[in-house]
Amino acid sequence: MSGKTITATARIEAKDATGSVFDKLAAKFRGLEKERKSLGGHQAPQVHRQY
């Protein structure tokens, strides 16, 4: 039996349908960071979980 070579090619396309969701989230986090810094850089209290 002689060897056969099979070649396959795939093309995948996608469209970003998230809109500006991630841009809005990033802006919110930047605003929170700015607010935190304006309060003197105090950090939130540490939460200790016991399992």
C-alpha atoms as a PDB file:
ATOM      1  CA  MET A   1       0.000   0.000   0.000  1.00  0.00           C
ATOM      2  CA  SER A   2       1.450   3.364  -0.932  1.00  0.00           C
ATOM      3  CA  GLY A   3       1.326   6.306   1.524  1.00  0.00           C
ATOM      4  CA  LYS A   4      -1.247   9.031   0.947  1.00  0.00           C
ATOM      5  CA  THR A   5      -1.011  12.585   2.179  1.00  0.00           C
ATOM      6  CA  ILE A   6      -4.169  14.411   3.147  1.00  0.00           C
ATOM      7  CA  THR A   7      -3.991  18.172   3.677  1.00  0.00           C
ATOM      8  CA  ALA A   8      -6.744  20.162   5.370  1.00  0.00           C
ATOM      9  CA  THR A   9      -7.051  23.908   5.734  1.00  0.00           C
ATOM     10  CA  ALA A  10      -9.449  25.708   8.054  1.00  0.00           C
ATOM     11  CA  ARG A  11     -10.384  29.360   8.135  1.00  0.00           C
ATOM     12  CA  ILE A  12     -11.977  30.734  11.275  1.00  0.00           C
ATOM     13  CA  GLU A  13     -13.447  34.220  11.492  1.00  0.00           C
ATOM     14  CA  ALA A  14     -15.049  35.955  14.449  1.00  0.00           C
ATOM     15  CA  LYS A  15     -16.585  39.323  15.117  1.00  0.00           C
ATOM     16  CA  ASP A  16     -16.181  41.183  18.412  1.00  0.00           C
ATOM     17  CA  ALA A  17     -19.747  41.657  19.615  1.00  0.00           C
ATOM     18  CA  THR A  18     -18.857  42.946  23.091  1.00  0.00           C
ATOM     19  CA  GLY A  19     -19.098  46.531  21.929  1.00  0.00           C
ATOM     20  CA  SER A  20     -17.650  48.909  24.469  1.00  0.00           C
ATOM     21  CA  VAL A  21     -18.443  46.734  27.502  1.00  0.00           C
ATOM     22  CA  PHE A  22     -14.801  46.170  28.430  1.00  0.00           C
ATOM     23  CA  ASP A  23     -13.910  49.820  27.786  1.00  0.00           C
ATOM     24  CA  LYS A  24     -16.666  50.885  30.193  1.00  0.00           C
ATOM     25  CA  LEU A  25     -15.500  48.418  32.847  1.00  0.00           C
ATOM     26  CA  ALA A  26     -11.919  49.643  32.523  1.00  0.00           C
ATOM     27  CA  ALA A  27     -13.080  53.239  32.913  1.00  0.00           C
ATOM     28  CA  LYS A  28     -14.969  52.318  36.092  1.00  0.00           C
ATOM     29  CA  PHE A  29     -11.908  50.631  37.567  1.00  0.00           C
ATOM     30  CA  ARG A  30      -9.739  53.640  36.691  1.00  0.00           C
ATOM     31  CA  GLY A  31     -12.284  55.859  38.443  1.00  0.00           C
ATOM     32  CA  LEU A  32     -12.272  53.640  41.532  1.00  0.00           C
ATOM     33  CA  GLU A  33      -8.475  53.651  41.630  1.00  0.00           C
ATOM     34  CA  LYS A  34      -8.419  57.435  41.303  1.00  0.00           C
ATOM     35  CA  GLU A  35     -10.955  57.766  44.116  1.00  0.00           C
ATOM     36  CA  ARG A  36      -8.982  55.378  46.323  1.00  0.00           C
ATOM     37  CA  LYS A  37      -5.815  57.400  45.785  1.00  0.00           C
ATOM     38  CA  SER A  38      -7.648  60.641  46.601  1.00  0.00           C
ATOM     39  CA  LEU A  39      -8.673  59.141  49.948  1.00  0.00           C
ATOM     40  CA  GLY A  40      -5.052  58.732  50.923  1.00  0.00           C
ATOM     41  CA  GLY A  41      -4.422  55.341  49.435  1.00  0.00           C
ATOM     42  CA  HIS A  42      -6.092  53.431  52.243  1.00  0.00           C
ATOM     43  CA  GLN A  43      -6.585  49.811  51.423  1.00  0.00           C
ATOM     44  CA  ALA A  44      -9.724  47.830  52.025  1.00  0.00           C
ATOM     45  CA  PRO A  45      -9.558  45.618  55.117  1.00  0.00           C
ATOM     46  CA  GLN A  46      -8.287  42.114  54.522  1.00  0.00           C
ATOM     47  CA  VAL A  47     -10.876  39.370  54.532  1.00  0.00           C
ATOM     48  CA  HIS A  48      -9.737  36.137  56.141  1.00  0.00           C
ATOM     49  CA  ARG A  49     -11.736  33.102  55.208  1.00  0.00           C
ATOM     50  CA  GLN A  50     -11.761  29.951  57.219  1.00  0.00           C
ATOM     51  CA  TYR A  51     -12.635  26.722  55.493  1.00  0.00           C
END
